[in-house]
Amino acid sequence: MLNEDEKKYFKNKLLTERERINKLLMEMKDNETIDSNLNATAELSFYDNHPSDSATELSEIEKGKALKANETNMLGKINEALDALENGDYGLCGNCQKEITKERLDFLPYAKYCAKCQGIMHTLRERTFEDRPNEEYVLKDVYYKGFGGIKGSVGLDALDTYELVDSHNQFVDSDADKINAHYVDPLDRVSNISYEETL
């Protein structure tokens, strides 16, 4: 467990980090890195804008929202850690209830889990379709089992798909070119014999 000096040290560290993030959020707001969508809608018409200009503006707005969400998330973690410090739960893993090492807390003072439990949470798990759109239920078998994974299906398989894609890579000589190959323009039938006789 942490002694009083260590609790004071980590509390100061958390408060300093919270102050830094609040200051950063204010600077981002002043520089219009975040909450800058007012300028994007100031124009009456986007008709004369090139699509890439609109895309750049949208990208900047999305980037600002992502940065703000990240810093807000960090503030939430810091506030949770400060609450845990007040309740006497600070430094205990939220999963296994074992003590989090002081080295980890020194590096991440808002750490909620020990390194072992955090590692388990970050290991790859089998993907599920619980949080995916309904359209992807149709694609599930194709993408997860491959074309050969659909048993008893006589529909589209990998070879059929390749042939469809490859058909766009072939040059097809059209019949229209063959028909017009022997076409003679009416002006080509005009003889120049009468002109040659005058010479």
Protein backbone atom coordinates (compact mmCIF):
# COMPACT_ATOMS: atom_id res chain seq x y z
CA MET A 1 0.00 0.00 0.00
CA LEU A 2 1.00 3.60 -0.51
CA ASN A 3 2.18 5.67 2.41
CA GLU A 4 1.08 9.29 2.93
CA ASP A 5 4.10 10.79 1.16
CA GLU A 6 3.50 8.61 -1.89
CA LYS A 7 -0.19 9.52 -1.94
CA LYS A 8 0.74 13.19 -1.80
CA TYR A 9 3.28 12.70 -4.59
CA PHE A 10 0.78 10.96 -6.89
CA LYS A 11 -1.96 13.48 -6.07
CA ASN A 12 0.35 16.36 -7.06
CA LYS A 13 1.30 14.49 -10.21
CA LEU A 14 -2.37 13.93 -11.13
CA LEU A 15 -3.30 17.56 -10.38
CA THR A 16 -0.38 18.81 -12.48
CA GLU A 17 -1.44 16.58 -15.37
CA ARG A 18 -5.06 17.75 -15.07
CA GLU A 19 -3.95 21.38 -15.12
CA ARG A 20 -1.77 20.71 -18.18
CA ILE A 21 -4.67 19.11 -20.06
CA ASN A 22 -7.09 21.90 -19.14
CA LYS A 23 -4.54 24.46 -20.34
CA LEU A 24 -4.03 22.49 -23.56
CA LEU A 25 -7.79 22.36 -24.18
CA MET A 26 -8.05 26.13 -23.69
CA GLU A 27 -5.15 26.73 -26.11
CA MET A 28 -6.75 24.41 -28.65
CA LYS A 29 -10.03 26.30 -28.33
CA ASP A 30 -8.29 29.69 -28.66
CA ASN A 31 -6.40 28.50 -31.75
CA GLU A 32 -9.63 27.03 -33.15
CA THR A 33 -8.14 23.56 -33.34
CA ILE A 34 -11.28 22.32 -31.62
CA ASP A 35 -14.80 23.71 -31.89
CA SER A 36 -13.92 25.43 -35.16
CA ASN A 37 -17.03 24.41 -37.10
CA LEU A 38 -18.36 27.97 -36.95
CA ASN A 39 -16.03 29.05 -39.76
CA ALA A 40 -16.93 26.04 -41.88
CA THR A 41 -20.60 27.02 -41.97
CA ALA A 42 -20.00 30.76 -42.39
CA GLU A 43 -20.18 30.54 -46.18
CA LEU A 44 -23.60 30.73 -47.74
CA SER A 45 -22.73 28.37 -50.56
CA PHE A 46 -20.16 25.66 -51.12
CA TYR A 47 -20.92 25.61 -54.85
CA ASP A 48 -17.73 27.41 -55.89
CA ASN A 49 -15.48 25.42 -53.54
CA HIS A 50 -13.37 22.62 -54.91
CA PRO A 51 -14.34 19.28 -53.30
CA SER A 52 -10.83 18.88 -51.91
CA ASP A 53 -11.19 22.21 -50.05
CA SER A 54 -14.39 20.99 -48.43
CA ALA A 55 -12.72 17.66 -47.64
CA THR A 56 -9.78 19.44 -46.01
CA GLU A 57 -12.12 21.50 -43.84
CA LEU A 58 -14.04 18.38 -42.83
CA SER A 59 -10.79 16.56 -42.05
CA GLU A 60 -9.65 19.42 -39.81
CA ILE A 61 -12.98 19.40 -37.95
CA GLU A 62 -12.77 15.62 -37.45
CA LYS A 63 -9.16 15.88 -36.27
CA GLY A 64 -10.15 18.58 -33.78
CA LYS A 65 -13.00 16.46 -32.44
CA ALA A 66 -10.70 13.45 -32.07
CA LEU A 67 -8.09 15.51 -30.20
CA LYS A 68 -10.75 16.96 -27.91
CA ALA A 69 -12.23 13.50 -27.24
CA ASN A 70 -8.77 12.14 -26.38
CA GLU A 71 -8.00 14.94 -23.92
CA THR A 72 -11.48 14.72 -22.38
CA ASN A 73 -10.98 10.97 -21.95
CA MET A 74 -7.66 11.63 -20.21
CA LEU A 75 -9.37 14.13 -17.90
CA GLY A 76 -11.94 11.48 -17.00
CA LYS A 77 -9.20 8.97 -16.15
CA ILE A 78 -7.39 11.55 -14.00
CA ASN A 79 -10.59 12.45 -12.14
CA GLU A 80 -11.30 8.75 -11.52
CA ALA A 81 -7.77 8.33 -10.16
CA LEU A 82 -8.21 11.36 -7.86
CA ASP A 83 -11.51 9.91 -6.59
CA ALA A 84 -9.80 6.56 -5.99
CA LEU A 85 -7.06 8.39 -4.10
CA GLU A 86 -9.66 10.00 -1.84
CA ASN A 87 -11.47 6.67 -1.32
CA GLY A 88 -8.29 4.74 -0.57
CA ASP A 89 -8.58 2.53 -3.69
CA TYR A 90 -5.75 4.21 -5.59
CA GLY A 91 -3.00 1.85 -6.65
CA LEU A 92 -5.22 -1.26 -6.68
CA CYS A 93 -5.97 -3.01 -9.96
CA GLY A 94 -9.60 -2.63 -11.01
CA ASN A 95 -9.64 -6.23 -12.19
CA CYS A 96 -7.57 -8.48 -9.91
CA GLN A 97 -7.44 -6.09 -6.90
CA LYS A 98 -3.67 -6.58 -6.63
CA GLU A 99 -1.36 -3.64 -6.05
CA ILE A 100 -0.21 -1.75 -9.14
CA THR A 101 3.56 -1.31 -9.16
CA LYS A 102 4.88 2.12 -8.21
CA GLU A 103 6.91 2.24 -11.43
CA ARG A 104 3.71 1.89 -13.47
CA LEU A 105 1.93 4.53 -11.38
CA ASP A 106 4.90 6.85 -11.75
CA PHE A 107 4.74 6.46 -15.52
CA LEU A 108 0.90 6.44 -15.75
CA PRO A 109 -0.46 7.99 -12.55
CA TYR A 110 -4.04 7.42 -13.76
CA ALA A 111 -3.47 3.68 -14.43
CA LYS A 112 -6.55 1.70 -13.48
CA TYR A 113 -5.16 -1.80 -14.08
CA CYS A 114 -1.90 -3.60 -13.38
CA ALA A 115 0.36 -4.37 -16.34
CA LYS A 116 -0.72 -8.04 -16.46
CA CYS A 117 -4.47 -7.32 -16.55
CA GLN A 118 -3.98 -4.47 -19.02
CA GLY A 119 -2.02 -6.84 -21.26
CA ILE A 120 -4.83 -9.40 -21.12
CA MET A 121 -7.36 -6.73 -22.08
CA HIS A 122 -5.29 -5.71 -25.09
CA THR A 123 -4.72 -9.19 -26.48
CA LEU A 124 -6.48 -9.95 -29.69
CA ARG A 125 -9.88 -11.44 -29.21
CA GLU A 126 -12.09 -13.14 -31.72
CA ARG A 127 -14.01 -10.57 -33.69
CA THR A 128 -17.74 -10.54 -33.34
CA PHE A 129 -20.44 -8.82 -35.33
CA GLU A 130 -22.23 -7.43 -32.28
CA ASP A 131 -21.18 -3.85 -32.93
CA ARG A 132 -21.19 -3.95 -36.73
CA PRO A 133 -23.87 -2.79 -39.20
CA ASN A 134 -26.52 -5.26 -40.30
CA GLU A 135 -25.23 -5.23 -43.88
CA GLU A 136 -22.11 -7.04 -42.75
CA TYR A 137 -24.06 -10.12 -41.65
CA VAL A 138 -24.37 -10.95 -45.33
CA LEU A 139 -20.62 -10.65 -45.83
CA LYS A 140 -19.62 -12.57 -42.70
CA ASP A 141 -19.13 -15.98 -44.31
CA VAL A 142 -17.24 -14.64 -47.30
CA TYR A 143 -14.76 -12.57 -45.31
CA TYR A 144 -14.23 -14.90 -42.38
CA LYS A 145 -14.39 -18.31 -44.06
CA GLY A 146 -13.39 -17.39 -47.58
CA PHE A 147 -15.31 -18.34 -50.68
CA GLY A 148 -14.82 -22.04 -50.00
CA GLY A 149 -16.35 -21.76 -46.53
CA ILE A 150 -19.93 -21.60 -47.73
CA LYS A 151 -20.89 -25.26 -47.89
CA GLY A 152 -23.31 -26.42 -50.53
CA SER A 153 -23.27 -23.10 -52.33
CA VAL A 154 -23.26 -23.17 -56.12
CA GLY A 155 -23.16 -19.39 -56.31
CA LEU A 156 -20.21 -17.13 -56.82
CA ASP A 157 -16.90 -18.63 -55.76
CA ALA A 158 -13.31 -17.37 -55.88
CA LEU A 159 -12.70 -18.53 -59.47
CA ASP A 160 -15.90 -16.87 -60.70
CA THR A 161 -14.90 -13.64 -59.00
CA TYR A 162 -11.44 -13.74 -60.56
CA GLU A 163 -12.90 -14.36 -64.01
CA LEU A 164 -15.28 -11.42 -63.61
CA VAL A 165 -12.46 -9.09 -62.62
CA ASP A 166 -10.13 -10.47 -65.30
CA SER A 167 -12.74 -9.93 -68.01
CA HIS A 168 -12.13 -6.18 -67.71
CA ASN A 169 -8.46 -6.75 -68.47
CA GLN A 170 -9.04 -8.27 -71.92
CA PHE A 171 -9.14 -6.36 -75.20
CA VAL A 172 -12.23 -7.25 -77.18
CA ASP A 173 -12.15 -6.48 -80.89
CA SER A 174 -15.59 -5.14 -81.69
CA ASP A 175 -17.56 -6.26 -84.73
CA ALA A 176 -18.24 -2.62 -85.62
CA ASP A 177 -14.57 -2.17 -86.54
CA LYS A 178 -14.68 -5.21 -88.84
CA ILE A 179 -17.85 -4.03 -90.59
CA ASN A 180 -16.46 -0.56 -91.29
CA ALA A 181 -13.05 -1.83 -92.43
CA HIS A 182 -14.10 -2.01 -96.12
CA TYR A 183 -16.25 1.10 -96.12
CA VAL A 184 -15.57 3.49 -98.98
CA ASP A 185 -16.49 7.11 -98.60
CA PRO A 186 -18.56 8.50 -101.52
CA LEU A 187 -15.91 11.16 -102.18
CA ASP A 188 -13.29 8.44 -102.60
CA ARG A 189 -15.20 7.22 -105.70
CA VAL A 190 -14.77 10.54 -107.49
CA SER A 191 -12.22 10.05 -110.21
CA ASN A 192 -9.50 12.50 -111.07
CA ILE A 193 -9.21 11.23 -114.66
CA SER A 194 -10.75 14.38 -116.11
CA TYR A 195 -8.19 16.48 -114.25
CA GLU A 196 -5.30 14.35 -115.46
CA GLU A 197 -6.46 14.75 -119.09
CA THR A 198 -6.15 18.53 -118.84
CA LEU A 199 -2.50 18.30 -118.01
